[in-house]
Protein backbone atom coordinates (compact mmCIF):
# COMPACT_ATOMS: atom_id res chain seq x y z
CA MET A 1 -20.18 -22.98 34.56
CA LYS A 2 -20.20 -19.47 32.82
CA THR A 3 -16.26 -19.32 33.01
CA LYS A 4 -16.01 -22.76 31.66
CA LEU A 5 -18.24 -22.05 28.87
CA PHE A 6 -16.49 -18.81 28.33
CA PHE A 7 -12.96 -20.55 28.00
CA ALA A 8 -14.40 -23.31 25.89
CA VAL A 9 -15.80 -20.77 23.31
CA SER A 10 -12.48 -18.83 23.77
CA VAL A 11 -10.52 -21.81 22.57
CA VAL A 12 -12.87 -22.62 19.80
CA LEU A 13 -12.51 -19.00 18.41
CA LEU A 14 -8.79 -19.06 18.89
CA ALA A 15 -8.61 -22.18 17.04
CA VAL A 16 -10.62 -20.80 14.15
CA SER A 17 -8.48 -18.05 14.11
CA MET A 18 -5.26 -19.94 13.57
CA ALA A 19 -6.85 -22.09 11.16
CA ARG A 20 -7.64 -19.17 8.98
CA ALA A 21 -4.24 -18.08 9.45
CA GLN A 22 -2.87 -21.02 8.02
CA GLN A 23 -4.87 -20.65 4.79
CA MET A 24 -3.36 -18.57 2.04
CA PRO A 25 -5.23 -16.74 -0.36
CA LEU A 26 -5.35 -18.34 -4.13
CA PHE A 27 -6.33 -15.93 -7.10
CA ARG A 28 -7.14 -16.35 -10.64
CA TRP A 29 -5.55 -13.20 -12.21
CA GLU A 30 -7.06 -11.27 -15.35
CA ASN A 31 -4.84 -8.54 -16.69
CA PHE A 32 -5.54 -5.10 -18.45
CA THR A 33 -3.20 -3.37 -20.74
CA THR A 34 -3.77 -0.64 -23.54
CA ALA A 35 -4.72 -3.46 -25.54
CA ASN A 36 -7.95 -3.57 -23.59
CA GLY A 37 -8.66 0.03 -22.75
CA LEU A 38 -6.14 0.88 -19.95
CA PRO A 39 -4.95 4.56 -20.52
CA ASP A 40 -1.57 3.47 -20.18
CA ASN A 41 0.55 0.34 -19.24
CA HIS A 42 2.58 2.14 -16.44
CA VAL A 43 0.17 2.16 -13.61
CA TYR A 44 0.97 4.09 -10.49
CA CYS A 45 -1.88 3.46 -8.10
CA VAL A 46 -5.39 1.87 -8.03
CA LEU A 47 -8.49 2.68 -5.97
CA VAL A 48 -11.51 0.51 -5.44
CA ASP A 49 -14.66 2.58 -5.19
CA GLY A 50 -17.63 -0.01 -4.89
CA ASN A 51 -17.80 -1.52 -8.18
CA ARG A 52 -15.85 1.16 -9.89
CA ILE A 53 -12.13 0.73 -10.09
CA TRP A 54 -9.79 3.89 -10.51
CA THR A 55 -6.26 3.79 -11.98
CA GLY A 56 -3.69 6.39 -12.02
CA THR A 57 -1.38 5.89 -15.16
CA ASP A 58 1.37 7.86 -16.95
CA ASN A 59 -1.06 8.76 -19.64
CA GLY A 60 -4.34 9.73 -17.68
CA LEU A 61 -6.86 8.54 -15.07
CA GLY A 62 -8.86 5.39 -15.87
CA LEU A 63 -12.42 4.40 -14.57
CA PHE A 64 -13.30 0.83 -15.30
CA GLU A 65 -17.01 0.33 -14.81
CA ASN A 66 -19.32 -2.21 -16.03
CA GLY A 67 -16.78 -3.73 -18.26
CA LYS A 68 -15.77 -0.44 -19.94
CA TRP A 69 -12.96 1.94 -19.36
CA LYS A 70 -13.28 5.93 -19.37
CA VAL A 71 -10.29 8.06 -19.41
CA PHE A 72 -9.58 11.70 -17.90
CA ARG A 73 -6.93 13.71 -19.21
CA PRO A 74 -5.83 17.48 -18.97
CA ALA A 75 -8.18 18.08 -21.85
CA ASP A 76 -11.11 17.03 -19.39
CA GLY A 77 -9.81 19.17 -16.73
CA LEU A 78 -7.44 16.95 -14.95
CA ALA A 79 -4.40 18.73 -13.58
CA HIS A 80 -1.67 16.47 -15.41
CA GLN A 81 -1.78 13.26 -17.48
CA ALA A 82 0.54 11.49 -14.83
CA VAL A 83 -1.55 10.39 -11.98
CA LEU A 84 0.46 9.45 -8.97
CA SER A 85 -1.88 8.87 -6.11
CA LEU A 86 -5.69 8.43 -5.19
CA ALA A 87 -7.95 8.96 -2.51
CA LEU A 88 -11.72 8.72 -1.79
CA ASP A 89 -13.86 10.70 0.32
CA LYS A 90 -16.37 8.26 1.51
CA ALA A 91 -18.57 10.81 2.93
CA THR A 92 -19.06 12.79 -0.28
CA GLY A 93 -18.08 10.22 -3.01
CA ASP A 94 -15.45 12.64 -4.17
CA LEU A 95 -12.20 11.31 -5.56
CA TRP A 96 -8.74 12.93 -5.12
CA ALA A 97 -5.99 12.61 -7.67
CA GLY A 98 -2.43 13.55 -6.98
CA THR A 99 -0.72 14.21 -10.10
CA MET A 100 2.60 15.63 -11.71
CA GLY A 101 1.00 18.97 -11.95
CA GLY A 102 -1.16 19.56 -9.01
CA LEU A 103 -4.15 17.94 -7.11
CA SER A 104 -7.56 17.32 -8.83
CA ARG A 105 -10.94 16.62 -7.08
CA ILE A 106 -13.60 14.55 -9.30
CA SER A 107 -17.12 15.19 -8.03
CA ALA A 108 -20.25 14.39 -10.01
CA GLY A 109 -18.53 14.61 -13.13
CA ARG A 110 -16.84 17.90 -12.34
CA ILE A 111 -13.11 18.41 -11.83
CA ASP A 112 -11.43 21.13 -9.90
CA THR A 113 -7.97 21.43 -9.61
CA PHE A 114 -5.56 22.91 -6.92
CA THR A 115 -2.04 24.00 -7.71
CA GLN A 116 0.59 26.25 -6.19
CA LEU A 117 -0.65 29.08 -8.03
CA ASN A 118 -4.26 29.03 -7.28
CA SER A 119 -4.03 27.36 -3.56
CA GLY A 120 -2.08 26.63 -0.65
CA LEU A 121 -0.80 23.34 -1.91
CA SER A 122 2.83 22.70 -0.96
CA ASN A 123 4.01 21.53 -4.55
CA ASP A 124 2.42 20.65 -7.85
CA ILE A 125 4.01 17.03 -7.54
CA VAL A 126 1.67 15.31 -5.35
CA TYR A 127 2.88 11.67 -4.52
CA GLY A 128 0.41 10.83 -1.96
CA VAL A 129 -3.27 11.89 -0.90
CA GLY A 130 -5.53 10.80 1.73
CA VAL A 131 -8.83 11.92 3.38
CA GLN A 132 -9.69 11.88 6.94
CA GLY A 133 -13.17 13.70 7.77
CA ASP A 134 -13.05 17.18 6.62
CA TYR A 135 -9.36 17.12 5.72
CA VAL A 136 -7.40 16.29 2.83
CA TRP A 137 -3.61 15.47 3.41
CA THR A 138 -1.14 15.66 0.87
CA ALA A 139 2.35 14.44 0.35
CA THR A 140 4.48 16.72 -2.21
CA ALA A 141 7.98 17.02 -3.42
CA ALA A 142 8.08 20.07 -1.12
CA GLY A 143 6.44 19.13 2.25
CA ALA A 144 2.98 18.35 3.32
CA SER A 145 -0.29 20.07 3.04
CA ARG A 146 -3.76 19.86 4.47
CA TYR A 147 -6.89 21.15 2.95
CA ASN A 148 -10.10 21.95 4.98
CA THR A 149 -12.98 21.08 2.63
CA ARG A 150 -15.42 22.82 5.08
CA THR A 151 -13.42 26.03 5.48
CA ASN A 152 -11.31 26.02 2.32
CA GLN A 153 -8.28 26.73 4.27
CA TRP A 154 -4.86 25.34 3.70
CA ALA A 155 -2.20 24.55 6.27
CA LEU A 156 1.61 23.73 5.09
CA PHE A 157 4.02 21.53 6.98
CA ASN A 158 7.72 21.29 5.99
CA GLU A 159 10.94 21.85 7.96
CA ARG A 160 10.01 25.03 9.66
CA ASN A 161 7.31 23.63 11.57
CA THR A 162 7.83 19.81 11.83
CA PRO A 163 10.83 17.75 12.48
CA MET A 164 10.90 17.11 8.93
CA PHE A 165 14.78 17.77 7.88
CA GLU A 166 13.96 16.41 4.29
CA ILE A 167 10.95 17.77 2.46
CA TRP A 168 10.36 15.12 -0.26
CA VAL A 169 7.33 13.61 1.10
CA TYR A 170 6.14 10.41 -0.73
CA ALA A 171 3.01 9.32 1.18
CA VAL A 172 0.20 9.63 3.70
CA SER A 173 -1.95 7.57 5.66
CA PRO A 174 -4.47 9.58 7.88
CA ALA A 175 -6.50 8.26 10.64
CA ALA A 176 -8.89 9.49 13.29
CA ASP A 177 -6.11 9.59 15.91
CA LYS A 178 -2.61 9.93 13.96
CA VAL A 179 -1.46 10.87 10.27
CA TYR A 180 1.73 9.16 9.36
CA TYR A 181 3.91 10.56 6.41
CA ALA A 182 6.74 8.60 4.61
CA VAL A 183 9.35 11.32 4.03
CA TRP A 184 11.89 10.16 1.32
CA GLY A 185 15.36 10.28 3.03
CA GLY A 186 13.85 11.31 6.24
CA GLY A 187 12.08 8.39 7.77
CA VAL A 188 8.49 8.64 9.08
CA LEU A 189 6.68 11.57 10.42
CA GLU A 190 3.60 11.24 12.82
CA TYR A 191 0.90 13.83 13.60
CA ASP A 192 -1.07 13.57 16.55
CA GLN A 193 -4.62 14.77 15.93
CA ASN A 194 -5.51 15.41 19.43
CA THR A 195 -2.36 17.49 20.74
CA GLU A 196 -1.43 18.62 17.11
CA ARG A 197 2.13 17.72 17.79
CA TRP A 198 4.70 16.14 15.44
CA LYS A 199 7.03 13.25 15.85
CA ASP A 200 9.68 11.78 13.87
CA TYR A 201 11.01 8.13 13.54
CA ASN A 202 14.31 7.83 11.93
CA ASP A 203 16.62 4.73 11.46
CA PRO A 204 18.67 4.42 14.63
CA ASP A 205 21.73 3.09 13.22
CA GLY A 206 22.25 5.88 10.54
CA GLU A 207 23.63 3.39 7.94
CA THR A 208 22.30 3.88 4.59
CA GLU A 209 24.01 0.68 3.05
CA MET A 210 22.85 -1.95 5.42
CA VAL A 211 20.85 -2.88 8.20
CA VAL A 212 23.17 -2.97 11.64
CA MET A 213 20.28 -2.80 14.38
CA LYS A 214 17.55 -5.31 13.28
CA ASP A 215 14.77 -4.56 15.47
CA GLN A 216 15.59 -1.38 17.21
CA GLY A 217 13.73 1.04 15.00
CA LEU A 218 12.79 1.98 11.56
CA ILE A 219 14.64 0.12 9.06
CA HIS A 220 15.51 2.94 6.89
CA GLU A 221 15.41 6.40 6.12
CA ILE A 222 14.40 6.07 2.74
CA THR A 223 10.69 5.36 3.06
CA THR A 224 7.99 5.09 0.22
CA SER A 225 4.87 4.28 1.79
CA VAL A 226 3.04 4.00 5.11
CA SER A 227 -0.15 2.29 6.13
CA TYR A 228 -1.82 2.88 9.71
CA VAL A 229 -4.42 0.46 10.63
CA ASP A 230 -5.89 -1.07 13.70
CA LYS A 231 -3.23 1.42 15.56
CA ILE A 232 -0.41 -0.45 13.80
CA LEU A 233 2.14 1.34 11.49
CA TRP A 234 3.33 -0.52 8.44
CA VAL A 235 6.34 1.17 6.67
CA ALA A 236 7.61 0.48 3.36
CA THR A 237 11.33 1.38 2.27
CA TYR A 238 13.79 0.91 -0.44
CA PHE A 239 15.71 -1.51 1.96
CA GLY A 240 12.91 -3.59 3.56
CA ALA A 241 9.73 -3.07 5.47
CA SER A 242 8.91 -2.17 9.23
CA ARG A 243 5.93 -2.87 11.69
CA TYR A 244 5.30 -0.54 14.56
CA ASP A 245 2.94 -1.13 17.39
CA GLY A 246 3.66 2.25 19.42
CA ARG A 247 6.28 0.37 21.47
CA TYR A 248 8.05 -2.16 19.48
CA TRP A 249 9.55 -2.32 15.89
CA HIS A 250 9.57 -5.45 13.93
CA ASN A 251 11.48 -5.30 10.68
CA PHE A 252 11.34 -7.57 7.47
CA LEU A 253 14.43 -8.15 5.20
CA GLN A 254 14.27 -10.46 2.15
CA LYS A 255 17.05 -12.69 3.82
CA ASP A 256 14.93 -13.48 7.00
CA SER A 257 11.40 -13.20 5.84
CA GLY A 258 9.28 -13.89 2.82
CA LEU A 259 9.84 -10.67 1.02
CA PRO A 260 10.73 -11.52 -2.62
CA SER A 261 12.92 -8.07 -2.49
CA ASN A 262 13.78 -5.38 -0.03
CA PHE A 263 12.81 -2.69 -2.71
CA LEU A 264 9.25 -1.81 -1.84
CA SER A 265 6.98 0.76 -3.62
CA GLN A 266 3.95 0.46 -1.14
CA ILE A 267 2.60 -1.56 1.90
CA LYS A 268 -0.92 -1.95 2.63
CA GLY A 269 -2.09 -3.23 6.07
CA VAL A 270 -5.21 -5.37 6.38
CA ASP A 271 -5.35 -5.46 9.98
CA ALA A 272 -2.75 -5.37 12.91
CA ASN A 273 -1.16 -8.71 11.89
CA ARG A 274 -1.83 -8.92 8.02
CA ALA A 275 -0.23 -6.86 5.17
CA TRP A 276 0.40 -6.73 1.48
CA PHE A 277 3.95 -5.61 0.14
CA SER A 278 4.37 -4.14 -3.35
CA THR A 279 8.17 -4.93 -4.31
CA ASP A 280 9.98 -4.71 -7.75
CA LYS A 281 10.20 -8.67 -7.67
CA GLY A 282 6.54 -9.45 -7.04
CA LEU A 283 3.61 -9.08 -4.70
CA ALA A 284 3.85 -10.53 -1.07
CA TYR A 285 1.24 -11.13 1.39
CA TYR A 286 2.12 -11.90 5.20
CA ASP A 287 -0.62 -13.35 7.47
CA GLY A 288 1.50 -12.65 10.61
CA THR A 289 3.34 -15.85 10.50
CA ASN A 290 3.59 -17.30 6.86
CA TRP A 291 4.06 -15.68 3.49
CA ALA A 292 2.76 -16.08 -0.13
CA VAL A 293 4.29 -14.29 -3.24
CA TYR A 294 2.58 -14.00 -6.48
CA ARG A 295 4.36 -13.08 -9.68
CA PRO A 296 5.37 -14.09 -13.29
CA ALA A 297 8.57 -16.17 -12.55
CA LEU A 298 11.77 -13.92 -12.76
CA ASP A 299 13.55 -16.37 -15.20
CA THR A 300 10.88 -17.91 -17.26
CA HIS A 301 7.94 -15.36 -16.68
CA LYS A 302 5.53 -18.16 -16.32
CA PRO A 303 2.90 -17.73 -13.59
CA GLU A 304 4.41 -18.45 -10.26
CA MET A 305 3.19 -18.67 -6.54
CA TYR A 306 5.15 -19.85 -3.69
CA VAL A 307 4.52 -19.92 0.26
CA ARG A 308 6.94 -19.62 3.14
CA ASN A 309 6.18 -20.90 6.49
CA ALA A 310 7.48 -19.64 9.87
CA SER A 311 10.59 -22.02 9.70
CA GLY A 312 11.71 -20.39 6.61
CA ASP A 313 10.67 -23.57 4.27
CA VAL A 314 9.50 -22.46 0.86
CA LYS A 315 7.35 -24.34 -1.67
CA ASN A 316 5.90 -23.92 -5.05
CA ILE A 317 2.14 -23.64 -5.42
CA PRO A 318 0.94 -24.85 -9.25
CA VAL A 319 -0.85 -21.83 -10.94
CA GLN A 320 -2.13 -20.84 -14.13
CA THR A 321 -2.27 -17.09 -13.94
CA ALA A 322 -0.09 -14.25 -12.39
CA PRO A 323 0.03 -10.48 -12.18
CA SER A 324 1.11 -8.90 -15.43
CA HIS A 325 4.42 -7.82 -14.29
CA ASN A 326 6.93 -8.39 -11.50
CA TYR A 327 7.33 -4.61 -10.57
CA ILE A 328 4.35 -4.05 -8.29
CA LEU A 329 3.37 -0.34 -7.40
CA ALA A 330 0.17 -0.40 -5.40
CA VAL A 331 -2.94 -2.57 -4.50
CA ASP A 332 -6.42 -2.08 -3.27
CA PHE A 333 -9.30 -4.51 -2.21
CA GLN A 334 -12.59 -5.37 -3.47
CA GLY A 335 -13.94 -7.62 -0.80
CA ASP A 336 -11.82 -10.71 -1.04
CA ASP A 337 -10.55 -9.60 -4.34
CA ILE A 338 -7.21 -7.68 -4.96
CA TRP A 339 -6.48 -4.98 -7.49
CA VAL A 340 -2.76 -4.37 -8.49
CA ALA A 341 -1.04 -1.71 -10.17
CA THR A 342 2.02 -2.80 -11.94
CA ALA A 343 4.90 -1.18 -14.37
CA HIS A 344 3.19 -3.02 -17.11
CA GLY A 345 -0.49 -3.26 -16.73
CA LEU A 346 -3.34 -3.53 -14.17
CA SER A 347 -4.26 -6.88 -12.65
CA HIS A 348 -7.51 -8.33 -10.93
CA GLY A 349 -6.87 -10.93 -8.41
CA ILE A 350 -10.00 -12.98 -8.23
CA ARG A 351 -10.05 -14.73 -5.07
CA GLN A 352 -10.96 -18.46 -5.28
CA LYS A 353 -12.90 -20.51 -2.87
CA GLU A 354 -10.20 -23.02 -2.34
CA SER A 355 -7.10 -21.76 -0.20
CA VAL A 356 -3.66 -23.04 0.18
CA SER A 357 -3.15 -24.89 3.46
CA ILE A 358 0.03 -24.09 4.87
CA ALA A 359 -0.13 -27.23 6.97
CA LYS A 360 -0.99 -29.36 4.04
CA VAL A 361 1.55 -27.92 1.96
CA PHE A 362 4.51 -28.57 4.31
CA SER A 363 3.26 -31.95 5.39
CA THR A 364 5.76 -33.39 2.71
CA GLU A 365 9.56 -32.97 2.80
CA GLN A 366 9.65 -31.51 -0.70
CA THR A 367 10.46 -28.17 0.03
CA ARG A 368 12.84 -25.69 -1.59
CA PRO A 369 15.85 -24.35 0.36
CA LYS A 370 15.16 -21.52 2.64
CA LYS A 371 15.19 -18.22 0.78
């Protein structure tokens, strides 16, 4: 009897899970530019800190709180006006900002800055930063660094003590068991927290212009972003995206997936199956089977959303709003909402109660040709 009950519950849970997977999120978008307080329209990164939204722009660090903007620049102690990356230490509440001129820590209103001259930072151009426990990991233009906030000690990682044959490190994703780096032109670097050993992943076909071996390994050497969640590694490159479960690779290209472009700036995993892709032609969401794309239309610039099912059929969804620009640089989540950094403004996607049902959308034959 218990076995039958367990089986019945399992079937129900599986059905609920599959039903949710067939529901694509629908958003109402509100956009911010310099006209309503954003420090600069070119937004490199965004970070959600409860009800506070931090944005790294070309002209300062912006904080959006209680409907108002506050801006931090070098005159306030920030390392540089161009803020490329952000990370939050959830244990202390400290914000770490990687800039074009060093690494800054904003703590209780005080700003401390670390550079090559006053610390062990690898390079003052900090493309990526991440926090794991007492450690702050950075990705710089000349290798990686790790700062121990408890001992104030630095460790440097480059071509001399890792498999890194390129030292232009673009992004970092730290976790309790592994730390992953996107090395621009050098694939992905993995650090095992337990063994303290490094391993690299590279494009197996070695072809810089095309993908010859589809799912045999990392899709391309020019990696721009990594996201490690639920022991799954998501990788963004300038030539597509990859998912790695520790044993098998699965690669995504515009021609055979819902990606609107192969040129990716960031990838953000939600869990083992779902991820968001920031491309130069729109924001894409993948639920493990189906896709949704949000953007101003490339030709008319009118708000556009379309979905793609597992068969490759594509259909437009009528919408009234869209992110402020096609060129998406980064995203972060605030509950069911999403915040989006673009090349021309910051966008807030407010999740609507209704969703887009894939089954309902494709119940008719009025679909666009496969993309």
